[in-house]
Protein backbone atom coordinates (compact mmCIF):
# COMPACT_ATOMS: atom_id res chain seq x y z
CA MET A 1 60.57 123.36 147.24
CA GLY A 2 59.64 126.98 146.14
CA CYS A 3 56.16 128.81 146.61
CA ILE A 4 53.11 126.66 146.46
CA THR A 5 49.46 128.06 146.35
CA GLY A 6 46.84 125.92 148.42
CA MET A 7 43.14 126.34 147.20
CA LEU A 8 40.26 125.05 149.42
CA ILE A 9 36.59 124.67 147.46
CA ASP A 10 33.45 124.24 149.12
CA THR A 11 30.13 123.49 147.32
CA VAL A 12 27.65 125.98 149.22
CA SER A 13 24.42 124.94 150.21
CA ILE A 14 24.24 121.50 148.63
CA GLN A 15 21.05 120.62 150.54
CA GLN A 16 19.27 123.88 149.14
CA TYR A 17 20.44 122.72 145.66
CA VAL A 18 19.42 119.34 145.70
CA TYR A 19 16.33 119.36 147.64
CA SER A 20 14.57 122.90 146.57
CA GLY A 21 12.40 120.84 143.75
CA ASN A 22 9.26 118.78 144.73
CA ARG A 23 10.01 116.16 141.70
CA LEU A 24 12.13 113.31 142.60
CA LYS A 25 13.98 113.44 139.22
CA GLU A 26 15.05 116.77 139.95
CA ASN A 27 16.55 115.95 143.22
CA ILE A 28 18.19 113.02 141.78
CA GLY A 29 19.70 114.81 138.96
CA ALA A 30 21.05 117.72 141.11
CA SER A 31 22.58 115.05 143.39
CA ASN A 32 24.40 113.61 140.16
CA ILE A 33 25.60 117.00 139.48
CA VAL A 34 27.16 117.56 142.91
CA ARG A 35 28.80 114.38 142.62
CA ASP A 36 30.30 115.05 139.05
CA ILE A 37 31.61 118.52 139.52
CA TYR A 38 34.86 117.12 141.22
CA LYS A 39 35.09 114.56 138.37
CA ASP A 40 34.97 115.29 134.64
CA TRP A 41 34.30 118.89 135.02
CA LEU A 42 37.26 119.57 137.44
CA GLY A 43 39.53 117.49 135.14
CA ASP A 44 38.35 119.46 131.93
CA ALA A 45 39.03 122.76 133.54
CA LEU A 46 42.48 121.60 135.04
CA LYS A 47 43.50 120.33 131.24
CA ALA A 48 42.49 123.85 129.82
CA VAL A 49 44.66 125.76 132.57
CA LEU A 50 47.48 123.32 132.95
CA GLY A 51 47.98 122.03 129.25
CA HIS A 52 47.70 118.41 130.35
CA ARG A 53 45.33 116.11 131.87
CA VAL A 54 45.27 115.24 135.78
CA MET A 55 44.65 111.91 137.20
CA LEU A 56 42.25 113.06 140.05
CA GLU A 57 42.44 109.71 141.86
CA ASP A 58 46.32 109.58 142.35
CA TRP A 59 45.82 110.89 145.91
CA SER A 60 43.41 108.32 147.15
CA THR A 61 45.27 105.36 145.31
CA ASN A 62 48.63 106.42 146.78
CA PRO A 63 47.87 108.55 149.78
CA LYS A 64 51.55 108.71 150.87
CA GLN A 65 53.08 110.00 147.81
CA ILE A 66 52.91 113.94 147.80
CA SER A 67 54.20 114.91 144.49
CA ILE A 68 54.05 118.81 144.64
CA TYR A 69 57.18 118.67 146.62
CA ASN A 70 58.94 118.14 143.21
CA SER A 71 60.03 121.26 141.55
CA ASP A 72 58.84 119.94 138.08
CA VAL A 73 55.28 119.32 139.17
CA ASP A 74 52.76 121.90 138.62
CA PHE A 75 49.89 120.75 140.37
CA GLU A 76 48.24 118.14 142.87
CA VAL A 77 45.04 117.11 144.29
CA GLY A 78 45.32 117.18 148.21
CA TYR A 79 42.00 115.24 148.55
CA ILE A 80 38.35 115.38 147.46
CA GLY A 81 35.40 114.56 149.49
CA GLY A 82 32.31 115.34 151.06
CA GLY A 83 31.53 118.33 148.69
CA LYS A 84 35.07 119.79 149.21
CA ALA A 85 38.37 119.80 147.45
CA LEU A 86 41.95 120.75 148.50
CA LEU A 87 44.03 121.60 145.50
CA PHE A 88 47.81 122.67 145.21
CA PHE A 89 49.31 124.60 142.32
CA ARG A 90 52.80 125.56 141.72
CA ASP A 91 51.76 128.87 139.91
CA ARG A 92 49.16 131.15 141.66
CA ASN A 93 48.23 132.94 138.45
CA ARG A 94 47.12 129.31 137.26
CA ALA A 95 45.23 128.77 140.17
CA VAL A 96 42.95 132.04 139.59
CA LYS A 97 42.88 130.96 135.88
CA PHE A 98 41.39 127.66 137.04
CA ILE A 99 38.75 129.34 139.19
CA ARG A 100 37.57 131.35 136.10
CA GLN A 101 37.62 128.23 134.01
CA TRP A 102 35.71 125.91 136.25
CA THR A 103 33.08 128.50 137.62
CA GLU A 104 32.39 129.27 134.10
CA LYS A 105 31.73 125.74 133.15
CA LEU A 106 29.61 125.39 136.44
CA LEU A 107 27.60 128.43 135.20
CA LEU A 108 26.74 126.81 132.00
CA GLU A 109 26.16 123.29 133.12
CA ALA A 110 24.94 123.59 136.64
CA PRO A 111 23.19 126.94 136.94
CA GLY A 112 22.16 127.55 140.52
CA LEU A 113 24.80 125.74 142.21
CA ASN A 114 27.34 128.01 144.19
CA THR A 115 30.77 127.49 145.11
CA ALA A 116 33.16 129.27 147.60
CA PHE A 117 37.19 129.47 147.35
CA ALA A 118 40.11 130.32 149.62
CA LEU A 119 43.42 130.74 147.98
CA ALA A 120 46.74 131.45 149.82
CA ASP A 121 50.37 130.73 149.81
CA PHE A 122 50.73 127.09 151.54
CA ASN A 123 53.75 126.03 153.69
CA PHE A 124 53.76 122.20 154.16
CA LYS A 125 55.93 122.57 157.18
CA ASN A 126 53.25 124.10 159.14
CA PHE A 127 50.32 122.22 157.56
CA CYS A 128 47.78 122.37 160.35
CA GLU A 129 48.30 126.02 160.94
CA GLU A 130 47.99 126.74 157.12
CA LEU A 131 44.96 124.35 156.47
CA ASP A 132 43.18 125.96 159.20
CA ARG A 133 43.92 129.56 157.69
CA LEU A 134 42.40 128.23 154.49
CA HIS A 135 39.22 127.10 156.41
CA LYS A 136 38.86 130.55 158.10
CA GLU A 137 39.43 132.39 154.66
CA LEU A 138 36.74 129.98 153.11
CA GLU A 139 34.17 130.89 155.74
CA ILE A 140 34.92 134.58 155.12
CA ASN A 141 34.41 134.23 151.53
CA LYS A 142 31.28 132.19 151.79
CA ASN A 143 29.53 134.92 153.91
CA ARG A 144 30.97 137.84 152.00
CA TYR A 145 29.45 137.66 148.43
CA PHE A 146 26.55 135.81 147.03
CA PRO A 147 26.87 135.24 143.37
CA GLN A 148 24.21 135.24 140.84
CA THR A 149 24.22 131.83 139.28
CA HIS A 150 21.31 131.62 137.29
CA LEU A 151 19.48 133.86 134.75
CA PRO A 152 17.57 136.72 136.52
CA LYS A 153 13.77 137.02 136.21
CA HIS A 154 12.25 140.04 134.07
CA GLY A 155 9.19 141.33 133.76
CA ILE A 156 8.45 140.12 130.03
CA THR A 157 9.65 136.43 130.61
CA ALA A 158 7.49 133.67 131.71
CA ASP A 159 8.06 131.92 134.93
CA CYS A 160 9.19 128.42 135.39
CA PRO A 161 6.60 126.17 136.87
CA LEU A 162 9.01 124.29 138.78
CA THR A 163 11.58 126.72 140.21
CA GLY A 164 9.81 130.28 139.83
CA LEU A 165 12.86 131.33 137.88
CA SER A 166 12.86 132.76 134.28
CA ALA A 167 11.52 130.09 131.95
CA GLU A 168 14.13 129.60 129.08
CA VAL A 169 14.26 125.99 127.79
CA PHE A 170 11.15 124.09 126.46
CA PHE A 171 11.32 120.58 127.77
CA THR A 172 8.86 117.45 128.06
CA LEU A 173 8.64 116.63 131.92
CA GLU A 174 7.29 113.10 131.49
CA LYS A 175 7.04 110.40 128.81
CA ASP A 176 4.03 111.29 126.29
CA GLY A 177 3.34 114.34 128.37
CA ALA A 178 2.91 118.01 127.03
CA GLY A 179 6.08 120.16 127.01
CA ASP A 180 6.68 123.39 128.77
CA TYR A 181 9.22 126.02 129.10
CA ILE A 182 11.36 125.69 132.49
CA SER A 183 14.20 127.51 133.91
CA SER A 184 17.78 126.38 132.79
CA ALA A 185 18.46 125.50 136.41
CA ALA A 186 15.68 122.83 136.48
CA TYR A 187 16.56 121.65 132.80
CA ALA A 188 20.10 120.99 134.01
CA LYS A 189 19.06 118.77 136.78
CA TYR A 190 16.69 116.84 134.58
CA LEU A 191 19.67 116.12 132.35
CA GLY A 192 21.71 115.25 135.21
CA PHE A 193 18.90 112.32 136.01
CA GLU A 194 19.66 110.70 132.73
CA ASP A 195 22.69 109.02 133.96
CA ASP A 196 20.76 106.89 136.66
CA ARG A 197 23.42 105.00 138.13
CA VAL A 198 21.67 103.61 141.06
CA LYS A 199 19.00 102.25 138.88
CA SER A 200 21.63 100.29 136.59
CA LEU A 201 23.35 98.91 139.86
CA VAL A 202 20.11 97.60 141.28
CA GLU A 203 19.46 95.81 138.00
CA GLU A 204 22.56 94.23 137.73
CA LYS A 205 22.81 93.13 141.41
CA SER A 206 19.18 91.46 140.81
CA GLY A 207 20.22 90.00 137.43
CA GLY A 208 17.49 92.22 135.74
CA LYS A 209 14.83 91.22 138.31
CA TYR A 210 14.47 94.43 140.25
CA THR A 211 14.77 98.14 139.25
CA CYS A 212 14.82 101.50 141.01
CA THR A 213 12.16 104.14 140.20
CA SER A 214 12.12 108.11 140.24
CA ASN A 215 8.43 107.82 140.98
CA ILE A 216 7.70 108.87 144.58
CA ASN A 217 4.48 107.29 144.59
CA LYS A 218 5.92 103.96 143.70
CA LEU A 219 8.01 103.02 146.95
CA GLY A 220 5.43 100.27 148.06
CA GLN A 221 2.85 102.54 149.63
CA SER A 222 -0.42 100.85 149.94
CA PHE A 223 -3.81 102.26 149.85
CA GLY A 224 -4.62 104.16 152.95
CA LYS A 225 -0.92 104.16 154.06
CA GLY A 226 0.26 106.87 151.73
CA HIS A 227 3.32 107.81 153.87
CA ILE A 228 7.09 108.18 152.70
CA ALA A 229 10.13 108.07 155.05
CA ILE A 230 12.67 110.77 154.28
CA VAL A 231 15.97 109.53 155.86
CA HIS A 232 19.19 111.69 156.31
CA MET A 233 22.16 110.25 157.85
CA ASP A 234 25.39 111.99 158.69
CA GLY A 235 28.75 110.69 160.32
CA ASN A 236 29.39 111.92 163.96
CA ALA A 237 32.15 114.53 164.50
CA MET A 238 33.69 113.99 161.01
CA GLY A 239 34.77 117.82 160.78
CA GLU A 240 36.39 117.37 164.13
CA LYS A 241 38.34 113.95 162.97
CA PHE A 242 39.62 115.70 159.77
CA LYS A 243 40.62 118.78 161.64
CA ALA A 244 42.56 116.65 164.19
CA CYS A 245 44.65 115.35 161.24
CA LYS A 246 48.46 116.19 161.72
CA ASP A 247 49.18 116.38 157.97
CA LEU A 248 48.08 115.72 154.42
CA ILE A 249 48.80 112.15 154.60
CA ASP A 250 46.69 111.66 157.65
CA ILE A 251 43.66 113.49 155.84
CA ARG A 252 43.98 111.34 152.49
CA ASN A 253 44.22 108.17 154.85
CA LEU A 254 40.99 109.24 156.81
CA SER A 255 39.26 110.28 153.66
CA VAL A 256 40.01 106.94 151.85
CA ARG A 257 39.25 104.78 154.83
CA LEU A 258 35.77 106.87 155.38
CA GLY A 259 34.91 106.22 151.78
CA ASP A 260 35.69 102.64 151.74
CA ILE A 261 33.36 102.22 155.08
CA MET A 262 30.38 104.11 153.33
CA ASP A 263 30.86 102.45 150.07
CA ASN A 264 30.84 99.04 151.67
CA ALA A 265 27.77 99.70 153.79
CA TYR A 266 25.79 101.12 150.82
CA ASP A 267 26.65 98.13 148.59
CA ARG A 268 25.71 95.73 151.64
CA PHE A 269 22.47 97.72 151.94
CA LEU A 270 21.42 97.45 148.64
CA ASP A 271 22.06 93.69 148.82
CA TYR A 272 19.84 93.68 152.07
CA VAL A 273 16.78 95.40 150.32
CA ILE A 274 17.07 93.24 147.41
CA GLY A 275 17.00 90.15 149.68
CA LEU A 276 13.80 91.38 151.23
CA MET A 277 11.89 91.36 147.99
CA ASP A 278 10.42 88.24 148.50
CA TYR A 279 8.94 89.51 151.80
CA PHE A 280 7.70 92.85 150.03
CA LEU A 281 6.14 90.90 147.22
CA GLU A 282 3.79 89.02 149.60
CA LYS A 283 0.45 90.55 149.29
CA LYS A 284 -0.53 89.81 152.93
CA ASN A 285 2.46 91.93 154.21
CA GLY A 286 0.83 95.01 152.91
CA PHE A 287 3.15 96.57 150.50
CA ASP A 288 2.01 97.51 146.80
CA ILE A 289 5.04 96.65 144.74
CA GLU A 290 4.58 97.93 141.33
CA MET A 291 6.54 97.22 138.20
CA GLU A 292 8.48 99.42 135.61
CA ASP A 293 9.85 98.15 132.31
CA GLY A 294 9.09 94.55 133.51
CA LYS A 295 10.91 94.78 136.60
CA TYR A 296 9.57 94.99 140.21
CA ILE A 297 10.66 98.21 141.90
CA ILE A 298 12.55 98.05 145.31
CA PRO A 299 10.82 100.14 148.04
CA PHE A 300 14.06 102.16 148.45
CA ARG A 301 15.43 105.33 146.54
CA PRO A 302 18.89 106.94 147.28
CA ILE A 303 19.03 110.51 146.56
CA LEU A 304 22.35 111.73 148.02
CA VAL A 305 25.30 109.48 148.75
CA GLU A 306 28.32 111.89 149.08
CA GLY A 307 30.74 110.58 151.81
CA ASP A 308 29.34 110.16 155.17
CA ASP A 309 26.28 112.44 154.05
CA ILE A 310 23.33 109.86 153.07
CA THR A 311 19.86 110.87 152.28
CA PHE A 312 17.12 108.23 150.93
CA ILE A 313 13.57 107.85 150.82
CA THR A 314 11.27 104.57 151.26
CA ASP A 315 7.83 103.66 152.21
CA GLY A 316 6.86 105.44 155.62
CA ARG A 317 6.73 101.90 157.25
CA LEU A 318 10.35 101.09 156.24
CA GLY A 319 11.98 104.50 157.44
CA LEU A 320 13.18 103.27 161.05
CA PRO A 321 14.00 99.79 160.15
CA PHE A 322 16.03 100.93 157.13
CA ALA A 323 17.76 103.79 159.13
CA GLU A 324 18.49 101.29 161.87
CA LYS A 325 20.10 98.75 159.43
CA TYR A 326 22.06 101.28 157.52
CA LEU A 327 23.55 102.69 160.86
CA GLU A 328 24.48 99.13 162.01
CA LEU A 329 26.31 98.64 158.73
CA VAL A 330 28.05 101.94 159.00
CA SER A 331 28.87 101.88 162.69
CA GLY A 332 31.76 100.28 164.51
CA ASP A 333 34.27 100.11 161.76
CA ASN A 334 37.82 101.53 162.60
CA LEU A 335 38.97 104.63 161.28
CA PRO A 336 42.62 105.52 161.18
CA GLY A 337 43.94 106.09 164.79
CA ASN A 338 41.75 103.31 166.07
CA LYS A 339 38.83 105.45 166.20
CA LYS A 340 35.31 104.17 165.70
CA MET A 341 32.90 105.16 163.07
CA SER A 342 29.43 106.11 164.10
CA ALA A 343 26.63 107.90 162.55
CA CYS A 344 23.09 109.44 163.09
CA ALA A 345 19.90 109.51 161.35
CA GLY A 346 16.80 111.57 161.15
CA VAL A 347 13.64 109.99 159.86
CA ALA A 348 10.83 112.27 158.78
CA ILE A 349 7.48 110.35 158.02
CA THR A 350 5.30 112.33 155.96
CA ARG A 351 2.62 112.25 153.40
CA THR A 352 3.72 111.41 150.14
CA LYS A 353 2.53 114.54 148.45
CA TYR A 354 3.85 116.83 151.38
CA PRO A 355 6.55 119.36 149.89
CA PHE A 356 9.68 117.27 149.93
CA PHE A 357 12.00 120.19 151.02
CA ARG A 358 10.08 120.50 154.01
CA GLY A 359 10.08 116.97 154.80
CA TYR A 360 13.88 116.89 154.25
CA THR A 361 14.47 119.85 156.40
CA LEU A 362 12.80 118.10 159.18
CA ALA A 363 14.93 114.99 158.61
CA GLU A 364 18.05 116.89 158.83
CA GLU A 365 16.78 118.76 162.18
CA LEU A 366 15.92 115.38 163.45
CA CYS A 367 19.41 113.97 162.54
CA GLN A 368 20.94 116.90 164.51
CA SER A 369 18.91 116.00 167.50
CA ALA A 370 20.32 112.46 167.24
CA LYS A 371 23.78 113.90 167.21
CA ALA A 372 23.04 115.97 170.33
CA SER A 373 22.28 112.71 172.18
CA ALA A 374 25.56 111.10 170.76
CA ARG A 375 27.64 113.93 171.96
CA GLU A 376 26.07 113.65 175.33
CA LEU A 377 26.96 110.03 175.69
CA LYS A 378 30.40 110.61 174.42
CA ASN A 379 31.11 113.26 176.81
CA ASN A 380 29.83 111.22 179.62
CA GLU A 381 31.21 107.69 178.79
CA GLY A 382 33.69 108.64 176.15
CA ARG A 383 32.33 106.21 173.24
CA GLU A 384 31.21 106.71 169.72
CA THR A 385 27.54 105.62 169.26
CA SER A 386 24.77 105.84 166.60
CA TRP A 387 21.27 107.26 167.36
CA ILE A 388 18.15 107.61 165.53
CA ASP A 389 15.18 110.17 165.98
CA PHE A 390 11.83 110.48 164.21
CA HIS A 391 8.84 112.45 163.65
CA ILE A 392 5.36 111.29 161.98
CA ALA A 393 3.57 114.11 160.18
CA TYR A 394 0.06 112.88 159.85
CA GLY A 395 -1.13 116.39 158.12
CA GLY A 396 0.85 119.53 157.62
CA PHE A 397 3.36 120.91 159.87
CA SER A 398 5.42 124.33 160.32
CA GLY A 399 8.03 125.53 162.31
CA SER A 400 11.25 123.94 163.47
CA LEU A 401 11.45 120.57 165.19
CA GLU A 402 11.59 122.29 168.64
CA GLU A 403 8.70 124.30 168.05
CA ILE A 404 6.61 121.38 166.94
CA MET A 405 7.96 119.23 170.14
CA ASN A 406 6.97 122.15 172.31
CA LYS A 407 3.49 122.65 170.77
CA ARG A 408 2.26 119.13 170.02
CA TYR A 409 4.41 116.90 172.31
CA THR A 410 4.80 118.74 175.45
CA VAL A 411 2.03 118.54 178.15
CA ASN A 412 2.73 120.72 181.49
CA GLY A 413 6.45 120.68 180.86
CA ASP A 414 6.30 116.90 180.21
CA ARG A 415 7.59 115.37 177.02
CA LEU A 416 5.49 112.83 175.04
CA HIS A 417 8.25 112.06 172.52
CA PHE A 418 11.02 109.87 174.25
CA GLY A 419 13.64 109.86 171.48
CA PRO A 420 16.18 109.96 169.96
CA TYR A 421 17.20 106.35 170.26
CA LEU A 422 20.24 104.41 170.68
CA VAL A 423 21.25 101.86 167.90
CA ILE A 424 23.14 99.24 169.66
CA CYS A 425 21.95 95.51 169.49
CA GLY A 426 22.13 93.46 172.43
CA ASP A 427 22.96 96.22 174.85
CA MET A 428 19.76 97.02 176.58
CA SER A 429 21.39 98.96 179.73
CA ASN A 430 20.42 102.20 178.13
CA GLU A 431 16.56 103.04 178.44
CA ARG A 432 16.53 104.70 175.03
CA ASN A 433 18.02 101.83 173.28
CA ILE A 434 15.76 101.23 170.10
CA GLY A 435 15.33 97.58 171.26
CA HIS A 436 12.94 98.94 174.17
CA LEU A 437 10.84 100.85 171.62
CA LYS A 438 10.46 97.81 169.62
CA GLU A 439 9.66 95.78 172.77
CA GLY A 440 6.86 98.48 173.56
CA ILE A 441 5.39 98.42 169.85
CA LYS A 442 5.11 94.61 170.12
CA GLN A 443 3.43 94.47 173.32
CA PHE A 444 0.80 96.94 172.08
CA LYS A 445 0.32 95.00 168.86
CA ASP A 446 -0.88 92.00 171.02
CA PRO A 447 -4.76 92.22 170.65
CA GLU A 448 -5.39 89.78 173.49
CA LYS A 449 -3.50 91.69 176.24
CA TRP A 450 -3.83 95.32 174.55
CA PRO A 451 -7.07 95.68 172.50
CA ARG A 452 -7.06 98.70 170.19
CA SER A 453 -9.87 100.34 172.04
CA VAL A 454 -7.45 100.24 175.41
CA VAL A 455 -4.38 101.36 173.46
CA LYS A 456 -6.30 104.51 172.15
CA ARG A 457 -7.56 105.11 175.67
CA LEU A 458 -3.95 105.08 176.94
CA ARG A 459 -2.86 107.29 174.30
CA ASP A 460 -5.40 109.89 175.17
CA HIS A 461 -4.73 109.65 178.83
CA LEU A 462 -0.85 110.21 178.10
CA THR A 463 -1.64 113.57 176.31
CA LEU A 464 -3.28 114.71 179.55
CA GLY A 465 0.04 114.84 181.27
CA GLU A 466 1.92 112.98 184.07
CA ASN A 467 -0.94 112.73 186.60
CA ALA A 468 -3.75 111.60 184.41
CA PRO A 469 -2.92 108.04 183.74
CA LYS A 470 -2.72 106.85 187.32
CA HIS A 471 -6.44 105.58 187.31
CA PHE A 472 -5.92 104.17 184.00
CA MET A 473 -2.96 101.97 185.35
CA ASP A 474 -4.70 100.94 188.23
CA GLU A 475 -7.59 99.34 186.04
CA ALA A 476 -4.95 97.85 183.48
CA THR A 477 -3.24 96.18 186.41
CA ILE A 478 -6.48 94.65 187.73
CA MET A 479 -6.86 93.30 184.07
CA GLY A 480 -3.49 91.67 183.98
CA ARG A 481 -2.24 94.35 181.28
CA GLU A 482 1.80 94.90 181.68
CA LEU A 483 3.74 97.27 180.14
CA HIS A 484 7.45 96.79 178.93
CA SER A 485 9.12 98.66 181.83
CA LEU A 486 12.67 99.57 180.24
CA SER A 487 14.14 98.17 183.69
CA GLU A 488 15.91 94.89 184.56
CA THR A 489 14.26 95.37 187.89
CA GLY A 490 10.73 95.40 186.17
CA ARG A 491 9.84 98.62 188.37
CA GLY A 492 10.65 101.38 185.58
CA TYR A 493 8.03 103.11 183.41
CA GLY A 494 5.58 100.30 183.69
CA ILE A 495 4.44 101.44 186.98
CA SER A 496 3.53 105.32 186.56
CA LEU A 497 3.91 105.41 182.84
CA TRP A 498 6.45 108.49 183.46
CA ARG A 499 9.67 109.26 184.81
CA ASN A 500 11.43 112.74 185.15
CA GLY A 501 8.95 114.03 182.74
CA TYR A 502 9.45 111.44 180.02
CA THR A 503 7.32 108.59 178.99
CA PRO A 504 8.24 105.84 176.40
CA TYR A 505 4.74 104.72 175.48
CA PHE A 506 3.60 107.41 173.18
CA ASP A 507 6.26 106.83 170.76
CA ALA A 508 5.39 103.16 170.73
CA ILE A 509 1.64 103.77 170.23
CA GLU A 510 2.58 106.16 167.33
CA LEU A 511 4.45 103.52 165.60
CA MET A 512 2.33 100.61 165.75
CA ASP A 513 0.99 100.98 162.28
CA LEU A 514 4.41 102.19 161.01
CA TYR A 515 6.65 99.33 162.16
CA PRO A 516 6.12 95.93 160.36
CA ASP A 517 5.94 92.89 162.57
CA TYR A 518 8.67 91.40 160.39
CA PHE A 519 11.25 93.93 161.70
CA LEU A 520 10.09 93.73 164.91
CA ASN A 521 10.96 90.30 165.30
CA GLY A 522 14.30 90.35 163.65
CA GLY A 523 13.14 89.42 160.37
CA LYS A 524 10.89 86.61 161.07
């Protein structure tokens, strides 16, 4: 078979690149660039080095066919997905030339985007060991050298108002607005936004009735409720599933199947949101749906849809309902080897004008918190499950998620935040099922049984710790006010409000105004 050179490529710090700006067009444009670097730009660089056009999708349309075994084949794609690519070259020198050609293209077209490479002779007979060696070398290379991928600042140049880098390109940021000099990195992201495929897809699906916006202020927020929800979703243990693959065909099959599941979920979710537009357009439901170019704007904007890595923004009141629905669409499908697909989501509800990158970072931490619960349940019961965690930032916030929880949601060692929450419809045996949370919210929204003033008093009592609410509950019992107990016996949290240092009621109270009745009642 001759000597084959394996190359593993990774896009470094995708999140930093995509979410570093506070303008939605920048974020979306950067996401489009990340999506495209493994398509046209990769193909152009390969053609320049190999002297012929490469069909980059052959690996996914015919995953069982490995052509590099043939001595007359000079190149083959192993797989592409999740910001990574595995490539095989017959000639090592051409592999090195490709790296130079492709990274030069990235420096010119996507300044600020970093990539890392691992390169080694590859023996397919020891596929797992060879791939593991490439992964280890890639990690070493990622930590060894941090290349300068944008023009450095000099004392004689003006600063870009968006990035703080050297300002080099004159550009008009908004229609009919004044132009300004911005950095080449910001300029590339704005150019990347021009191909707004999400907007085109929404307009196509709705027959031109609805559209998608790039204005973060037009996601349905109504006066006095100016919150957005930043939702970050990620598949559970996908890295482990890929590492468990025995050969290239297994990896390809897993990658193709994962792509099919995520594409199908995305398509169905768009249909779901579009199907809700009649509800959103009714003024009594409290959403301020605006128009652009004669079309109503859907209250949903995906930013990054890359494999099992999803980030979108929406009105603050729709963050949890939308995240739950998306997880339901993703979860439960079979992956190769009869393994179940599952995922987790973090929902950061922030003020619309709060710095976007900090909000995204919080959403990512919340997703990791949800994943920890998923791992714990899998270790205990051996099943794949999907979870959600959330945080509401009414003002500013600083520090990590754990620091926020310890500072603001912990009283004498007792935790006010009850999440993360399990997303399983119909299975209420787990007290952290999101169905219990919704039942608690519904109960507090009943003004006859739980007047606002009483709910506020309960919230104040909960912030004093586990022992403080006992007198309050005695009074509530006399008045006939019951709480959702989270227990089939009816003798759960509803008796003392706390168990084992946790209470489920603080979360329910916080979400009263941020969880519409329509979604609490199953879309009725």
